[in-house]
Protein backbone atom coordinates (compact mmCIF):
# COMPACT_ATOMS: atom_id res chain seq x y z
CA MET A 1 57.00 128.20 26.04
CA HIS A 2 56.08 131.05 28.26
CA TYR A 3 57.20 131.12 32.08
CA LYS A 4 56.11 132.60 35.31
CA ALA A 5 57.46 133.41 38.51
CA SER A 6 57.04 130.67 41.09
CA PRO A 7 58.42 131.00 44.66
CA LEU A 8 60.93 128.48 46.41
CA PRO A 9 60.26 128.60 50.01
CA ALA A 10 63.01 129.68 52.71
CA LYS A 11 62.50 126.36 54.10
CA LYS A 12 63.68 124.29 50.84
CA ARG A 13 62.44 120.64 50.12
CA ILE A 14 65.47 118.79 49.31
CA ALA A 15 65.70 115.46 47.45
CA LEU A 16 68.77 113.36 48.30
CA ILE A 17 69.95 110.51 45.90
CA ALA A 18 72.98 108.58 45.33
CA HIS A 19 74.19 105.53 43.30
CA ASP A 20 75.28 102.71 44.89
CA ASN A 21 78.74 103.69 44.35
CA LYS A 22 78.07 107.23 45.60
CA LYS A 23 76.02 106.34 48.81
CA ASP A 24 78.87 106.73 51.11
CA GLU A 25 80.32 109.86 49.77
CA LEU A 26 76.39 111.50 49.93
CA THR A 27 76.22 109.86 53.54
CA GLU A 28 79.71 111.72 54.47
CA TRP A 29 78.57 114.81 52.87
CA ALA A 30 75.36 114.80 54.92
CA VAL A 31 76.46 114.02 58.07
CA ASN A 32 79.13 116.72 57.53
CA ASN A 33 76.29 119.40 56.75
CA ALA A 34 73.77 117.80 59.11
CA SER A 35 72.77 121.03 60.78
CA ALA A 36 72.09 122.73 57.61
CA LEU A 37 69.89 119.96 56.39
CA GLY A 38 67.83 120.00 59.45
CA ALA A 39 66.44 123.24 58.68
CA HIS A 40 65.07 122.17 55.60
CA GLU A 41 62.69 119.04 54.45
CA LEU A 42 64.56 116.06 53.18
CA PHE A 43 63.14 113.29 50.92
CA ALA A 44 64.95 110.44 49.62
CA THR A 45 64.83 107.33 47.55
CA GLY A 46 65.27 103.80 48.70
CA THR A 47 67.70 102.58 50.74
CA THR A 48 69.42 106.21 50.70
CA GLY A 49 66.78 107.06 52.42
CA PHE A 50 67.00 104.93 55.20
CA VAL A 51 70.78 105.20 55.45
CA LEU A 52 70.62 109.03 55.92
CA GLU A 53 67.79 109.03 58.31
CA LYS A 54 69.79 106.41 60.54
CA LYS A 55 72.94 108.47 60.24
CA LEU A 56 71.21 112.25 60.51
CA GLY A 57 68.72 111.33 62.93
CA LEU A 58 66.57 113.52 60.85
CA PRO A 59 63.22 112.62 59.66
CA ILE A 60 63.40 111.59 55.52
CA HIS A 61 60.48 111.18 53.45
CA LYS A 62 61.49 108.13 51.56
CA PHE A 63 60.25 107.20 48.15
CA ILE A 64 60.88 103.40 46.55
CA SER A 65 64.34 102.50 45.40
CA GLY A 66 65.59 104.38 41.99
CA PRO A 67 65.51 101.47 39.70
CA LEU A 68 61.61 100.46 41.05
CA GLY A 69 60.70 103.68 40.14
CA GLY A 70 61.97 106.25 43.04
CA ASP A 71 63.92 108.44 40.42
CA GLN A 72 60.48 109.18 38.85
CA GLN A 73 58.55 109.67 42.04
CA VAL A 74 61.16 112.32 42.48
CA GLY A 75 60.81 113.71 39.12
CA ALA A 76 57.00 113.91 39.42
CA ARG A 77 57.35 115.86 42.58
CA ILE A 78 59.60 118.28 40.79
CA ALA A 79 57.17 118.80 38.18
CA GLU A 80 54.37 119.51 40.86
CA GLY A 81 56.28 121.86 42.43
CA PHE A 82 57.05 119.73 45.71
CA ILE A 83 60.89 119.59 45.40
CA ASP A 84 62.74 122.90 45.61
CA ILE A 85 66.40 121.04 45.45
CA LEU A 86 67.86 117.84 43.78
CA ILE A 87 71.24 116.62 45.28
CA PHE A 88 71.86 113.65 43.23
CA PHE A 89 75.17 112.15 43.62
CA TRP A 90 75.67 110.12 40.59
CA ASP A 91 78.35 107.90 38.98
CA PRO A 92 79.41 108.92 36.04
CA PHE A 93 81.63 105.67 35.35
CA GLU A 94 79.57 103.29 36.57
CA PRO A 95 76.49 102.13 33.48
CA MET A 96 72.86 102.12 34.97
CA PRO A 97 70.20 99.62 33.71
CA HIS A 98 67.87 102.78 34.50
CA ASP A 99 69.77 105.34 32.80
CA PRO A 100 66.67 107.09 30.87
CA ASP A 101 65.22 107.41 34.25
CA VAL A 102 68.24 109.15 35.53
CA LYS A 103 68.20 111.27 32.32
CA ALA A 104 64.43 111.99 32.64
CA LEU A 105 65.10 113.44 36.43
CA LEU A 106 67.78 115.61 35.36
CA ARG A 107 65.37 116.93 32.44
CA LEU A 108 62.85 117.76 34.90
CA ALA A 109 64.96 119.61 37.00
CA ALA A 110 66.42 121.86 34.59
CA ALA A 111 62.91 121.97 33.01
CA TRP A 112 61.29 123.23 36.25
CA ASN A 113 64.51 125.57 37.07
CA ILE A 114 65.65 123.80 40.45
CA PRO A 115 69.37 123.92 41.63
CA VAL A 116 70.88 120.41 41.07
CA ALA A 117 74.17 119.43 42.61
CA CYS A 118 75.79 116.05 41.38
CA ASN A 119 79.19 115.85 43.88
CA PRO A 120 80.12 117.41 47.02
CA ALA A 121 81.37 120.74 45.92
CA SER A 122 78.24 121.60 43.72
CA ALA A 123 76.26 120.24 47.13
CA ASP A 124 78.36 122.53 49.05
CA PHE A 125 77.74 125.43 46.90
CA ILE A 126 74.04 124.84 46.72
CA LEU A 127 73.83 124.58 50.58
CA GLN A 128 75.96 127.55 51.24
CA SER A 129 74.26 129.57 49.11
CA HIS A 130 73.03 133.29 49.91
CA TRP A 131 69.52 131.92 49.05
CA ILE A 132 69.22 128.63 50.73
CA ASP A 133 67.25 129.88 53.74
CA LYS A 134 65.51 132.92 51.74
CA ALA A 135 62.65 132.79 49.67
CA TYR A 136 63.48 132.66 46.01
CA SER A 137 61.46 133.62 42.77
CA ARG A 138 62.38 131.09 40.27
CA GLN A 139 60.91 130.96 36.39
CA ILE A 140 58.96 128.00 35.58
CA PRO A 141 57.06 126.96 32.64
CA ASP A 142 53.71 128.09 32.63
CA TYR A 143 51.23 125.10 31.88
CA ASP A 144 48.04 127.14 32.25
CA ASP A 145 49.41 129.40 29.20
CA TYR A 146 50.62 126.30 27.56
CA LEU A 147 47.41 124.45 27.78
CA SER A 148 45.24 127.50 26.89
CA ASP A 149 47.52 127.58 23.96
CA ARG A 150 46.86 124.00 22.97
CA ILE A 151 42.81 124.53 23.67
CA ARG A 152 42.81 127.43 21.31
CA THR A 153 44.28 125.35 18.13
CA LEU A 154 41.91 122.67 18.90
CA GLU A 155 38.89 124.81 18.77
């Protein structure tokens, strides 16, 4: 696979997701960081989005609930280049019936080279990063190059 540079804008598009047992933890973290989060565009799945919007008083683009496909909606937005950071407080001790969706979401975040936080400490590090309010150039898969290679092999 070849890679190319792709900018992350200064105003980041941040997805906020939490498993049921982690919703309170994410909400508390978000409330403590409301002013920093308010400088960015926020997205969330299902109930998490409604709870955060009410607690933060900030607009949040809401997808459907994670188990009903919200995780995959976020993953699609990552692949399309419309999510810049994933903050996903997942529960490592609770088996999830939609675990394959969660793994697919994390795989897409890794493949498209976006920062991922899975707990308050890693979320703090991302939100306090030098790059949080600056443009940043990341390397992503060069899909156009990938397609041209595939088409050449079919000719």
